[in-house]
C-alpha atoms as a PDB file:
ATOM      1  CA  MET A   1      -8.397  21.460  38.421  1.00  0.00           C
ATOM      2  CA  THR A   2      -5.666  20.490  40.761  1.00  0.00           C
ATOM      3  CA  GLU A   3      -2.132  19.651  39.888  1.00  0.00           C
ATOM      4  CA  LYS A   4      -2.351  16.270  41.021  1.00  0.00           C
ATOM      5  CA  ASN A   5      -5.440  15.971  38.371  1.00  0.00           C
ATOM      6  CA  ASN A   6      -3.439  17.610  35.781  1.00  0.00           C
ATOM      7  CA  PHE A   7      -0.769  15.298  36.147  1.00  0.00           C
ATOM      8  CA  ASN A   8      -3.211  12.337  36.317  1.00  0.00           C
ATOM      9  CA  ASP A   9      -4.365  13.778  32.519  1.00  0.00           C
ATOM     10  CA  GLN A  10      -1.125  14.048  31.586  1.00  0.00           C
ATOM     11  CA  ALA A  11       0.023  10.345  32.200  1.00  0.00           C
ATOM     12  CA  GLN A  12      -3.264   9.224  30.768  1.00  0.00           C
ATOM     13  CA  ALA A  13      -2.395  11.254  27.620  1.00  0.00           C
ATOM     14  CA  LEU A  14       0.837   9.647  27.238  1.00  0.00           C
ATOM     15  CA  ILE A  15      -0.645   6.130  27.827  1.00  0.00           C
ATOM     16  CA  VAL A  16      -3.091   6.620  25.113  1.00  0.00           C
ATOM     17  CA  GLN A  17      -0.501   8.157  22.657  1.00  0.00           C
ATOM     18  CA  LYS A  18       1.856   5.119  23.344  1.00  0.00           C
ATOM     19  CA  HIS A  19      -0.827   3.090  22.470  1.00  0.00           C
ATOM     20  CA  GLN A  20      -1.650   4.880  19.373  1.00  0.00           C
ATOM     21  CA  LEU A  21       2.294   5.023  18.067  1.00  0.00           C
ATOM     22  CA  LYS A  22       2.246   1.687  18.686  1.00  0.00           C
ATOM     23  CA  GLY A  23      -0.733   1.057  16.217  1.00  0.00           C
ATOM     24  CA  ALA A  24       0.895   3.478  13.688  1.00  0.00           C
ATOM     25  CA  GLN A  25       4.205   1.450  13.828  1.00  0.00           C
ATOM     26  CA  ASP A  26       2.171  -1.290  13.442  1.00  0.00           C
ATOM     27  CA  GLN A  27       0.580   0.154  10.430  1.00  0.00           C
ATOM     28  CA  LEU A  28       3.892   0.840   9.258  1.00  0.00           C
ATOM     29  CA  GLY A  29       5.718  -2.509   9.584  1.00  0.00           C
ATOM     30  CA  CYS A  30       2.762  -3.925   7.540  1.00  0.00           C
ATOM     31  CA  LEU A  31       3.110  -1.245   4.761  1.00  0.00           C
ATOM     32  CA  ASN A  32       6.647  -1.800   4.723  1.00  0.00           C
ATOM     33  CA  GLY A  33       6.517  -5.409   4.111  1.00  0.00           C
ATOM     34  CA  THR A  34       4.105  -4.984   1.453  1.00  0.00           C
ATOM     35  CA  LEU A  35       6.585  -2.485  -0.204  1.00  0.00           C
ATOM     36  CA  ASP A  36       9.000  -4.987  -0.253  1.00  0.00           C
ATOM     37  CA  ALA A  37       6.954  -7.758  -1.265  1.00  0.00           C
ATOM     38  CA  LEU A  38       5.660  -5.573  -4.259  1.00  0.00           C
ATOM     39  CA  ASP A  39       9.184  -4.306  -5.153  1.00  0.00           C
ATOM     40  CA  HIS A  40      10.278  -8.145  -5.411  1.00  0.00           C
ATOM     41  CA  GLU A  41       7.280  -8.857  -7.700  1.00  0.00           C
ATOM     42  CA  LEU A  42       7.981  -5.659  -9.906  1.00  0.00           C
ATOM     43  CA  TYR A  43      11.637  -6.663 -10.149  1.00  0.00           C
ATOM     44  CA  CYS A  44      10.579 -10.015 -10.978  1.00  0.00           C
ATOM     45  CA  ASN A  45       7.925  -9.111 -13.688  1.00  0.00           C
ATOM     46  CA  GLN A  46      10.634  -6.772 -14.979  1.00  0.00           C
ATOM     47  CA  LYS A  47      12.886  -9.466 -15.624  1.00  0.00           C
ATOM     48  CA  VAL A  48      10.612 -11.599 -17.399  1.00  0.00           C
ATOM     49  CA  LEU A  49       9.842  -8.627 -19.641  1.00  0.00           C
ATOM     50  CA  ASP A  50      13.048  -7.963 -20.552  1.00  0.00           C
ATOM     51  CA  ASP A  51      13.502 -11.557 -21.472  1.00  0.00           C
ATOM     52  CA  LEU A  52      10.448 -11.591 -23.248  1.00  0.00           C
ATOM     53  CA  LEU A  53      11.298  -8.620 -25.118  1.00  0.00           C
ATOM     54  CA  ALA A  54      14.764 -10.108 -26.009  1.00  0.00           C
ATOM     55  CA  GLN A  55      13.308 -13.273 -27.454  1.00  0.00           C
ATOM     56  CA  ALA A  56      10.929 -11.387 -29.386  1.00  0.00           C
ATOM     57  CA  GLN A  57      13.369  -9.362 -30.940  1.00  0.00           C
ATOM     58  CA  THR A  58      15.757 -12.042 -31.680  1.00  0.00           C
ATOM     59  CA  ILE A  59      12.681 -14.092 -33.197  1.00  0.00           C
ATOM     60  CA  VAL A  60      11.945 -10.954 -35.479  1.00  0.00           C
ATOM     61  CA  SER A  61      15.324 -10.307 -36.608  1.00  0.00           C
ATOM     62  CA  GLU A  62      16.083 -13.908 -37.357  1.00  0.00           C
ATOM     63  CA  ARG A  63      12.952 -14.224 -39.596  1.00  0.00           C
ATOM     64  CA  GLU A  64      13.271 -10.506 -41.344  1.00  0.00           C
ATOM     65  CA  ILE A  65       9.344  -9.835 -39.930  1.00  0.00           C
ATOM     66  CA  ILE A  66       8.277  -6.104 -40.911  1.00  0.00           C
ATOM     67  CA  PHE A  67       5.061  -5.009 -38.730  1.00  0.00           C
ATOM     68  CA  GLU A  68       2.721  -2.766 -40.303  1.00  0.00           C
ATOM     69  CA  VAL A  69       0.020  -1.523 -37.818  1.00  0.00           C
ATOM     70  CA  ASP A  70      -3.076   0.518 -38.981  1.00  0.00           C
ATOM     71  CA  GLU A  71      -4.335   3.247 -36.613  1.00  0.00           C
ATOM     72  CA  GLU A  72      -7.581   1.140 -35.907  1.00  0.00           C
ATOM     73  CA  ASP A  73      -5.399  -1.608 -34.709  1.00  0.00           C
ATOM     74  CA  THR A  74      -3.222   0.633 -32.570  1.00  0.00           C
ATOM     75  CA  PHE A  75      -6.901   1.747 -30.496  1.00  0.00           C
ATOM     76  CA  LEU A  76      -7.796  -2.160 -30.383  1.00  0.00           C
ATOM     77  CA  ILE A  77      -4.217  -2.984 -29.090  1.00  0.00           C
ATOM     78  CA  GLU A  78      -4.545  -0.301 -26.064  1.00  0.00           C
ATOM     79  CA  GLU A  79      -8.070  -0.934 -25.592  1.00  0.00           C
ATOM     80  CA  THR A  80      -7.124  -4.918 -24.836  1.00  0.00           C
ATOM     81  CA  LEU A  81      -4.269  -3.650 -22.817  1.00  0.00           C
ATOM     82  CA  TYR A  82      -6.511  -0.941 -20.644  1.00  0.00           C
ATOM     83  CA  VAL A  83      -9.049  -4.008 -20.344  1.00  0.00           C
ATOM     84  CA  CYS A  84      -6.121  -6.739 -19.208  1.00  0.00           C
ATOM     85  CA  GLN A  85      -4.751  -4.145 -16.320  1.00  0.00           C
ATOM     86  CA  ASN A  86      -8.185  -3.640 -14.938  1.00  0.00           C
ATOM     87  CA  GLU A  87      -8.579  -7.347 -14.572  1.00  0.00           C
ATOM     88  CA  ILE A  88      -5.182  -7.487 -12.336  1.00  0.00           C
ATOM     89  CA  GLN A  89      -6.478  -9.624  -8.662  1.00  0.00           C
ATOM     90  CA  GLU A  90      -5.125  -7.811  -5.937  1.00  0.00           C
ATOM     91  CA  THR A  91      -2.322  -9.676  -4.189  1.00  0.00           C
ATOM     92  CA  HIS A  92      -1.501  -8.053  -1.019  1.00  0.00           C
ATOM     93  CA  GLN A  93      -4.006  -7.017   1.987  1.00  0.00           C
ATOM     94  CA  GLN A  94      -5.555  -3.806   2.899  1.00  0.00           C
ATOM     95  CA  LEU A  95      -4.447  -1.586   5.920  1.00  0.00           C
ATOM     96  CA  GLY A  96      -7.010  -1.047   8.265  1.00  0.00           C
ATOM     97  CA  LYS A  97      -7.869   2.534   9.719  1.00  0.00           C
ATOM     98  CA  LEU A  98      -5.869   3.695  12.345  1.00  0.00           C
ATOM     99  CA  ASP A  99      -7.798   4.383  15.658  1.00  0.00           C
ATOM    100  CA  ASN A 100      -8.331   8.149  16.737  1.00  0.00           C
ATOM    101  CA  ILE A 101     -10.013   9.742  19.261  1.00  0.00           C
ATOM    102  CA  GLU A 102     -11.587  12.885  19.472  1.00  0.00           C
ATOM    103  CA  ILE A 103     -11.078  15.194  22.474  1.00  0.00           C
ATOM    104  CA  VAL A 104     -14.040  17.289  23.790  1.00  0.00           C
ATOM    105  CA  GLU A 105     -13.951  19.244  27.140  1.00  0.00           C
ATOM    106  CA  SER A 106     -15.595  16.687  28.420  1.00  0.00           C
ATOM    107  CA  PHE A 107     -13.429  13.518  27.909  1.00  0.00           C
ATOM    108  CA  GLU A 108     -12.340  11.420  30.566  1.00  0.00           C
ATOM    109  CA  TRP A 109      -9.073   9.478  29.544  1.00  0.00           C
ATOM    110  CA  GLY A 110     -10.543   6.034  31.334  1.00  0.00           C
ATOM    111  CA  GLN A 111     -13.160   6.035  28.199  1.00  0.00           C
ATOM    112  CA  TYR A 112     -10.123   4.939  25.847  1.00  0.00           C
ATOM    113  CA  PRO A 113     -10.588   1.391  26.031  1.00  0.00           C
ATOM    114  CA  PRO A 114      -7.118   0.374  24.754  1.00  0.00           C
ATOM    115  CA  ALA A 115      -5.807   2.872  28.128  1.00  0.00           C
ATOM    116  CA  SER A 116      -5.972  -0.180  30.165  1.00  0.00           C
ATOM    117  CA  GLU A 117      -3.347  -2.229  28.193  1.00  0.00           C
END
């Protein structure tokens, strides 16, 4: 292999790596946006939950309600919560796979389609 071919291969490899870096950065940006949305949603849900618990506590204390829960009822409550949690619909997009290339001895850099970008 001549020195010129070696430099050519290195340049092609850099083009491919640059494209793969851009793809990874795009995926990370999308992931970061999704995490920010989830964080905001979690914050809002936590705030609503705190408010509801405070309201429930106020009602219980004002009316002097006493809870007695049997062990059997506890199981039913836990089972109901488990079923409800599994029925939650996904609200965020799924990320696609990142492209990768397999480098074998007979690999030609020109075979990588995005290299022409």
